Amino acid sequence: MDDKTRTELEAAAFRHLVAHLRERTDVQNLDLMNLAGFCRNCLSKWYRAAAEEKGVALSDPEAREVVYGMPYEDWKKRYQKDEKKPHKHDGH
């Protein structure tokens, strides 16, 4: 497989993962972190880091909006269920 095709397939898989996470608002970030070792915020940090590697300036809020499909604060207000438990993101 050539690099262009591999990149296109990886991009398609990423878009599918993001769409799936946007649909599954019932799955909390804490659940993802506990079960998979990453969450939506980790994914947004990886996205921002990839942008920076390409010389594209992207803030954390902008990267989170790519993953969440809305501003992070809006998502938290609508969907976050348990705000009592702290959720630390180290960007794996």
N, C-alpha and C. Protein backbone atom coordinates (compact mmCIF):
# COMPACT_ATOMS: atom_id res chain seq x y z
N MET A 1 0.86 -1.17 0.00
CA MET A 1 0.00 0.00 0.00
C MET A 1 0.91 1.24 0.00
N ASP A 2 0.57 2.19 -0.83
CA ASP A 2 1.38 3.41 -0.89
C ASP A 2 1.00 4.36 0.26
N ASP A 3 1.87 5.32 0.55
CA ASP A 3 1.66 6.23 1.67
C ASP A 3 0.39 7.07 1.53
N LYS A 4 0.09 7.50 0.33
CA LYS A 4 -1.10 8.33 0.11
C LYS A 4 -2.36 7.55 0.46
N THR A 5 -2.44 6.31 0.01
CA THR A 5 -3.61 5.47 0.30
C THR A 5 -3.70 5.19 1.79
N ARG A 6 -2.58 4.89 2.43
CA ARG A 6 -2.55 4.61 3.86
C ARG A 6 -3.06 5.83 4.63
N THR A 7 -2.57 7.01 4.26
CA THR A 7 -3.00 8.25 4.92
C THR A 7 -4.50 8.48 4.74
N GLU A 8 -5.01 8.22 3.54
CA GLU A 8 -6.44 8.39 3.28
C GLU A 8 -7.27 7.42 4.13
N LEU A 9 -6.81 6.19 4.26
CA LEU A 9 -7.53 5.21 5.07
C LEU A 9 -7.48 5.57 6.55
N GLU A 10 -6.32 6.04 7.02
CA GLU A 10 -6.22 6.47 8.42
C GLU A 10 -7.12 7.66 8.69
N ALA A 11 -7.19 8.60 7.76
CA ALA A 11 -8.05 9.76 7.91
C ALA A 11 -9.52 9.35 7.95
N ALA A 12 -9.89 8.40 7.11
CA ALA A 12 -11.28 7.91 7.11
C ALA A 12 -11.61 7.23 8.43
N ALA A 13 -10.68 6.44 8.96
CA ALA A 13 -10.90 5.77 10.24
C ALA A 13 -11.03 6.81 11.37
N PHE A 14 -10.20 7.84 11.33
CA PHE A 14 -10.28 8.92 12.33
C PHE A 14 -11.65 9.60 12.27
N ARG A 15 -12.08 9.94 11.06
CA ARG A 15 -13.39 10.61 10.91
C ARG A 15 -14.51 9.71 11.44
N HIS A 16 -14.41 8.43 11.19
CA HIS A 16 -15.43 7.50 11.66
C HIS A 16 -15.41 7.42 13.19
N LEU A 17 -14.23 7.36 13.79
CA LEU A 17 -14.11 7.33 15.24
C LEU A 17 -14.70 8.60 15.85
N VAL A 18 -14.37 9.76 15.31
CA VAL A 18 -14.90 11.02 15.82
C VAL A 18 -16.42 11.05 15.70
N ALA A 19 -16.96 10.64 14.56
CA ALA A 19 -18.41 10.61 14.38
C ALA A 19 -19.06 9.67 15.39
N HIS A 20 -18.44 8.53 15.61
CA HIS A 20 -18.98 7.56 16.58
C HIS A 20 -18.98 8.15 17.99
N LEU A 21 -17.89 8.81 18.38
CA LEU A 21 -17.84 9.41 19.71
C LEU A 21 -18.83 10.55 19.86
N ARG A 22 -19.07 11.29 18.79
CA ARG A 22 -20.07 12.36 18.84
C ARG A 22 -21.47 11.79 19.04
N GLU A 23 -21.74 10.66 18.42
CA GLU A 23 -23.05 10.02 18.56
C GLU A 23 -23.23 9.39 19.94
N ARG A 24 -22.16 8.87 20.50
CA ARG A 24 -22.24 8.15 21.78
C ARG A 24 -21.98 9.08 22.96
N THR A 25 -22.83 10.08 23.08
CA THR A 25 -22.69 11.02 24.19
C THR A 25 -22.98 10.37 25.54
N ASP A 26 -23.59 9.18 25.51
CA ASP A 26 -23.84 8.46 26.75
C ASP A 26 -22.56 7.88 27.34
N VAL A 27 -21.53 7.74 26.52
CA VAL A 27 -20.26 7.23 26.99
C VAL A 27 -19.43 8.41 27.49
N GLN A 28 -19.17 8.41 28.78
CA GLN A 28 -18.45 9.50 29.40
C GLN A 28 -16.94 9.36 29.19
N ASN A 29 -16.24 10.49 29.24
CA ASN A 29 -14.79 10.46 29.08
C ASN A 29 -14.13 9.58 30.13
N LEU A 30 -14.64 9.61 31.35
CA LEU A 30 -14.08 8.79 32.42
C LEU A 30 -14.21 7.30 32.07
N ASP A 31 -15.35 6.93 31.49
CA ASP A 31 -15.54 5.53 31.05
C ASP A 31 -14.51 5.15 29.99
N LEU A 32 -14.33 6.04 29.02
CA LEU A 32 -13.34 5.78 27.97
C LEU A 32 -11.95 5.64 28.55
N MET A 33 -11.59 6.53 29.45
CA MET A 33 -10.26 6.51 30.04
C MET A 33 -10.04 5.22 30.83
N ASN A 34 -11.04 4.84 31.60
CA ASN A 34 -10.91 3.62 32.40
C ASN A 34 -10.83 2.36 31.55
N LEU A 35 -11.59 2.33 30.46
CA LEU A 35 -11.63 1.12 29.64
C LEU A 35 -10.59 1.08 28.52
N ALA A 36 -10.30 2.23 27.93
CA ALA A 36 -9.44 2.25 26.75
C ALA A 36 -8.12 2.98 26.95
N GLY A 37 -8.01 3.72 28.05
CA GLY A 37 -6.77 4.44 28.30
C GLY A 37 -6.65 5.76 27.55
N PHE A 38 -7.73 6.20 26.92
CA PHE A 38 -7.77 7.51 26.26
C PHE A 38 -9.21 7.98 26.25
N CYS A 39 -9.38 9.29 26.00
CA CYS A 39 -10.73 9.85 25.94
C CYS A 39 -10.78 10.89 24.83
N ARG A 40 -11.90 11.57 24.73
CA ARG A 40 -12.08 12.59 23.70
C ARG A 40 -11.04 13.70 23.83
N ASN A 41 -10.73 14.08 25.06
CA ASN A 41 -9.74 15.15 25.26
C ASN A 41 -8.35 14.69 24.81
N CYS A 42 -8.01 13.45 25.09
CA CYS A 42 -6.73 12.91 24.61
C CYS A 42 -6.69 12.96 23.08
N LEU A 43 -7.76 12.54 22.45
CA LEU A 43 -7.83 12.54 20.99
C LEU A 43 -7.66 13.95 20.44
N SER A 44 -8.27 14.92 21.11
CA SER A 44 -8.13 16.31 20.64
C SER A 44 -6.71 16.82 20.83
N LYS A 45 -6.03 16.38 21.89
CA LYS A 45 -4.63 16.78 22.09
C LYS A 45 -3.73 16.16 21.03
N TRP A 46 -4.00 14.92 20.66
CA TRP A 46 -3.21 14.28 19.60
C TRP A 46 -3.44 15.00 18.28
N TYR A 47 -4.67 15.43 18.04
CA TYR A 47 -5.00 16.17 16.81
C TYR A 47 -4.24 17.49 16.77
N ARG A 48 -4.26 18.21 17.90
CA ARG A 48 -3.55 19.49 17.99
C ARG A 48 -2.05 19.29 17.80
N ALA A 49 -1.49 18.24 18.41
CA ALA A 49 -0.07 17.96 18.26
C ALA A 49 0.29 17.67 16.80
N ALA A 50 -0.57 16.92 16.12
CA ALA A 50 -0.34 16.63 14.70
C ALA A 50 -0.40 17.91 13.87
N ALA A 51 -1.32 18.80 14.22
CA ALA A 51 -1.40 20.08 13.51
C ALA A 51 -0.12 20.88 13.72
N GLU A 52 0.36 20.91 14.95
CA GLU A 52 1.59 21.65 15.25
C GLU A 52 2.78 21.09 14.48
N GLU A 53 2.84 19.75 14.35
CA GLU A 53 3.92 19.13 13.59
C GLU A 53 3.92 19.59 12.13
N LYS A 54 2.75 19.94 11.63
CA LYS A 54 2.60 20.42 10.25
C LYS A 54 2.65 21.94 10.16
N GLY A 55 2.92 22.60 11.29
CA GLY A 55 3.01 24.05 11.29
C GLY A 55 1.67 24.76 11.31
N VAL A 56 0.62 24.04 11.70
CA VAL A 56 -0.72 24.62 11.77
C VAL A 56 -1.02 24.98 13.22
N ALA A 57 -1.25 26.25 13.47
CA ALA A 57 -1.58 26.70 14.82
C ALA A 57 -3.02 26.33 15.15
N LEU A 58 -3.21 25.61 16.25
CA LEU A 58 -4.54 25.18 16.66
C LEU A 58 -4.57 25.19 18.18
N SER A 59 -5.52 25.89 18.74
CA SER A 59 -5.63 25.96 20.20
C SER A 59 -6.31 24.70 20.73
N ASP A 60 -6.17 24.48 22.03
CA ASP A 60 -6.87 23.35 22.65
C ASP A 60 -8.39 23.44 22.43
N PRO A 61 -9.01 24.61 22.66
CA PRO A 61 -10.45 24.69 22.41
C PRO A 61 -10.83 24.38 20.96
N GLU A 62 -10.03 24.82 20.01
CA GLU A 62 -10.32 24.53 18.59
C GLU A 62 -10.20 23.04 18.31
N ALA A 63 -9.18 22.41 18.86
CA ALA A 63 -9.00 20.97 18.64
C ALA A 63 -10.12 20.17 19.31
N ARG A 64 -10.53 20.60 20.49
CA ARG A 64 -11.64 19.91 21.16
C ARG A 64 -12.93 20.03 20.36
N GLU A 65 -13.14 21.19 19.75
CA GLU A 65 -14.36 21.37 18.96
C GLU A 65 -14.38 20.43 17.75
N VAL A 66 -13.21 20.12 17.19
CA VAL A 66 -13.13 19.16 16.09
C VAL A 66 -13.64 17.79 16.56
N VAL A 67 -13.23 17.39 17.76
CA VAL A 67 -13.60 16.08 18.28
C VAL A 67 -15.03 16.06 18.83
N TYR A 68 -15.39 17.07 19.59
CA TYR A 68 -16.71 17.10 20.23
C TYR A 68 -17.83 17.54 19.30
N GLY A 69 -17.50 18.27 18.24
CA GLY A 69 -18.52 18.78 17.33
C GLY A 69 -19.20 20.03 17.84
N MET A 70 -18.69 20.58 18.92
CA MET A 70 -19.23 21.80 19.54
C MET A 70 -18.19 22.25 20.56
N PRO A 71 -18.32 23.47 21.07
CA PRO A 71 -17.40 23.88 22.13
C PRO A 71 -17.47 22.92 23.32
N TYR A 72 -16.32 22.64 23.89
CA TYR A 72 -16.21 21.67 24.99
C TYR A 72 -17.14 22.02 26.15
N GLU A 73 -17.20 23.29 26.52
CA GLU A 73 -18.06 23.70 27.64
C GLU A 73 -19.53 23.39 27.35
N ASP A 74 -19.95 23.55 26.10
CA ASP A 74 -21.33 23.20 25.73
C ASP A 74 -21.56 21.71 25.87
N TRP A 75 -20.59 20.91 25.42
CA TRP A 75 -20.71 19.45 25.52
C TRP A 75 -20.82 19.04 26.97
N LYS A 76 -19.98 19.61 27.82
CA LYS A 76 -20.02 19.26 29.25
C LYS A 76 -21.37 19.57 29.86
N LYS A 77 -21.92 20.73 29.53
CA LYS A 77 -23.22 21.12 30.08
C LYS A 77 -24.32 20.17 29.61
N ARG A 78 -24.25 19.74 28.36
CA ARG A 78 -25.30 18.88 27.80
C ARG A 78 -25.17 17.42 28.21
N TYR A 79 -23.93 16.91 28.25
CA TYR A 79 -23.76 15.46 28.32
C TYR A 79 -22.96 14.92 29.49
N GLN A 80 -22.12 15.73 30.12
CA GLN A 80 -21.30 15.18 31.20
C GLN A 80 -22.17 14.87 32.40
N LYS A 81 -22.08 13.64 32.89
CA LYS A 81 -22.96 13.20 33.96
C LYS A 81 -22.35 13.31 35.34
N ASP A 82 -21.09 13.00 35.48
CA ASP A 82 -20.49 12.95 36.81
C ASP A 82 -19.34 13.93 36.90
N GLU A 83 -19.63 15.11 37.38
CA GLU A 83 -18.60 16.14 37.50
C GLU A 83 -17.87 16.06 38.83
N LYS A 84 -18.27 15.13 39.70
CA LYS A 84 -17.64 15.01 41.01
C LYS A 84 -16.28 14.34 40.92
N LYS A 85 -16.12 13.44 39.96
CA LYS A 85 -14.86 12.73 39.82
C LYS A 85 -13.93 13.53 38.93
N PRO A 86 -12.73 13.84 39.43
CA PRO A 86 -11.79 14.57 38.57
C PRO A 86 -11.29 13.69 37.45
N HIS A 87 -11.05 14.31 36.32
CA HIS A 87 -10.57 13.57 35.16
C HIS A 87 -9.29 14.24 34.68
N LYS A 88 -8.20 13.57 34.90
CA LYS A 88 -6.92 14.13 34.52
C LYS A 88 -6.52 13.59 33.16
N HIS A 89 -6.10 14.49 32.28
CA HIS A 89 -5.68 14.10 30.93
C HIS A 89 -4.20 14.34 30.82
N ASP A 90 -3.45 13.31 30.53
CA ASP A 90 -2.03 13.51 30.35
C ASP A 90 -1.62 13.40 28.90
N GLY A 91 -2.58 13.27 28.00
CA GLY A 91 -2.31 13.28 26.57
C GLY A 91 -1.61 12.05 26.05
N HIS A 92 -1.58 11.01 26.80
CA HIS A 92 -0.97 9.72 26.45
C HIS A 92 -0.14 9.85 25.21
